[in-house]
Amino acid sequence: MILAYAAALLASAAGIALLDRRFHLAFGRAPRRTATLLGVGIVFFLAWDAVGIWLGVFRHLDSRWATGIMLAPQLPVEELMFVAFLTYLTLVLLGAWRRIPARRDGR
């Protein structure tokens, strides 16, 4: 059970990556731009987390679902994985959203 959350995040990311590959929504469409935006999103959300931790708003609580590996005080490795997944999912959804008008217009 110790890797359950990390495994779920990785499995979900793999599913999103398959959709991206099949429909060319993010990396399949503009790999350099997607990688840049993914990096910016990860840095932004980790900075957000750091501020929240510094203010005492975010606290890590031990869980039997998590690995227990900490990147920094109060910052588990699963948070980095979640932030990367959330950013990638957003980019893929945006790519899908942008394709809707093109389909309606017959392009």
Protein backbone atom coordinates (compact mmCIF):
# COMPACT_ATOMS: atom_id res chain seq x y z
CA MET A 1 0.00 0.00 0.00
CA ILE A 2 2.98 2.29 0.49
CA LEU A 3 3.20 3.18 -3.22
CA ALA A 4 -0.54 3.32 -3.93
CA TYR A 5 -0.81 7.11 -4.39
CA ALA A 6 2.36 7.35 -6.49
CA ALA A 7 1.25 4.40 -8.62
CA ALA A 8 -2.19 5.95 -9.15
CA LEU A 9 -0.60 9.23 -10.25
CA LEU A 10 1.74 7.44 -12.65
CA ALA A 11 -1.07 5.30 -14.09
CA SER A 12 -3.25 8.39 -14.57
CA ALA A 13 -0.39 10.27 -16.24
CA ALA A 14 0.20 7.30 -18.54
CA GLY A 15 -3.46 7.37 -19.58
CA ILE A 16 -3.27 11.09 -20.29
CA ALA A 17 -0.04 10.53 -22.26
CA LEU A 18 -1.80 7.90 -24.40
CA LEU A 19 -4.59 10.35 -25.18
CA ASP A 20 -2.02 13.02 -25.97
CA ARG A 21 -0.13 10.70 -28.29
CA ARG A 22 -3.27 9.48 -30.06
CA PHE A 23 -4.88 12.89 -30.60
CA HIS A 24 -1.78 15.16 -30.68
CA LEU A 25 -3.06 17.45 -27.94
CA ALA A 26 0.10 18.70 -26.18
CA PHE A 27 3.46 16.97 -26.68
CA GLY A 28 2.17 15.47 -29.91
CA ARG A 29 1.39 18.93 -31.26
CA ALA A 30 4.15 21.20 -29.91
CA PRO A 31 6.70 19.27 -27.82
CA ARG A 32 9.06 22.17 -27.09
CA ARG A 33 6.25 24.52 -26.05
CA THR A 34 4.60 21.80 -23.95
CA ALA A 35 7.86 20.99 -22.15
CA THR A 36 8.42 24.68 -21.42
CA LEU A 37 4.89 25.17 -20.11
CA LEU A 38 5.11 21.99 -18.07
CA GLY A 39 8.30 23.24 -16.44
CA VAL A 40 6.81 26.69 -15.75
CA GLY A 41 3.70 25.11 -14.24
CA ILE A 42 5.69 22.81 -11.99
CA VAL A 43 7.90 25.66 -10.77
CA PHE A 44 4.85 27.86 -10.15
CA PHE A 45 2.97 25.24 -8.13
CA LEU A 46 6.05 24.21 -6.14
CA ALA A 47 6.62 27.89 -5.29
CA TRP A 48 2.95 28.08 -4.27
CA ASP A 49 3.48 25.03 -2.05
CA ALA A 50 6.65 26.53 -0.54
CA VAL A 51 4.78 29.71 0.41
CA GLY A 52 1.93 27.66 1.86
CA ILE A 53 4.37 25.56 3.88
CA TRP A 54 6.24 28.67 5.06
CA LEU A 55 2.94 30.26 6.19
CA GLY A 56 1.93 27.06 7.97
CA VAL A 57 -1.09 26.52 5.74
CA PHE A 58 0.18 23.26 4.23
CA ARG A 59 1.36 20.44 6.49
CA HIS A 60 2.38 16.94 5.60
CA LEU A 61 0.58 14.20 7.47
CA ASP A 62 1.87 10.64 7.34
CA SER A 63 -0.23 8.32 5.23
CA ARG A 64 -0.06 4.61 4.57
CA TRP A 65 -0.75 5.42 0.89
CA ALA A 66 2.36 7.58 0.40
CA THR A 67 6.02 6.63 0.09
CA GLY A 68 7.21 8.84 2.95
CA ILE A 69 9.99 10.28 0.78
CA MET A 70 10.33 14.01 1.44
CA LEU A 71 11.85 16.49 -1.01
CA ALA A 72 11.91 19.18 1.67
CA PRO A 73 10.32 19.59 5.08
CA GLN A 74 6.54 19.17 4.64
CA LEU A 75 6.94 18.46 0.87
CA PRO A 76 6.50 14.80 -0.09
CA VAL A 77 7.64 13.46 -3.46
CA GLU A 78 4.01 12.74 -4.32
CA GLU A 79 3.34 16.49 -4.31
CA LEU A 80 5.86 16.94 -7.14
CA MET A 81 4.22 14.07 -9.00
CA PHE A 82 0.75 15.55 -8.47
CA VAL A 83 1.84 19.01 -9.59
CA ALA A 84 3.41 17.56 -12.76
CA PHE A 85 0.28 15.49 -13.43
CA LEU A 86 -2.04 18.45 -12.84
CA THR A 87 -0.04 20.69 -15.16
CA TYR A 88 0.16 18.04 -17.90
CA LEU A 89 -3.55 17.26 -17.61
CA THR A 90 -4.34 20.96 -17.96
CA LEU A 91 -2.22 21.25 -21.11
CA VAL A 92 -3.87 18.18 -22.64
CA LEU A 93 -7.36 19.45 -21.79
CA LEU A 94 -6.52 22.83 -23.28
CA GLY A 95 -5.33 21.11 -26.46
CA ALA A 96 -8.59 19.15 -26.62
CA TRP A 97 -10.64 22.28 -25.96
CA ARG A 98 -8.92 24.11 -28.81
CA ARG A 99 -9.85 21.31 -31.22
CA ILE A 100 -13.60 21.58 -30.56
CA PRO A 101 -14.27 24.70 -32.72
CA ALA A 102 -12.15 23.23 -35.51
CA ARG A 103 -14.32 20.10 -35.52
CA ARG A 104 -17.53 22.12 -35.51
CA ASP A 105 -16.37 24.19 -38.49
CA GLY A 106 -15.36 21.05 -40.37
CA ARG A 107 -11.62 21.77 -40.36
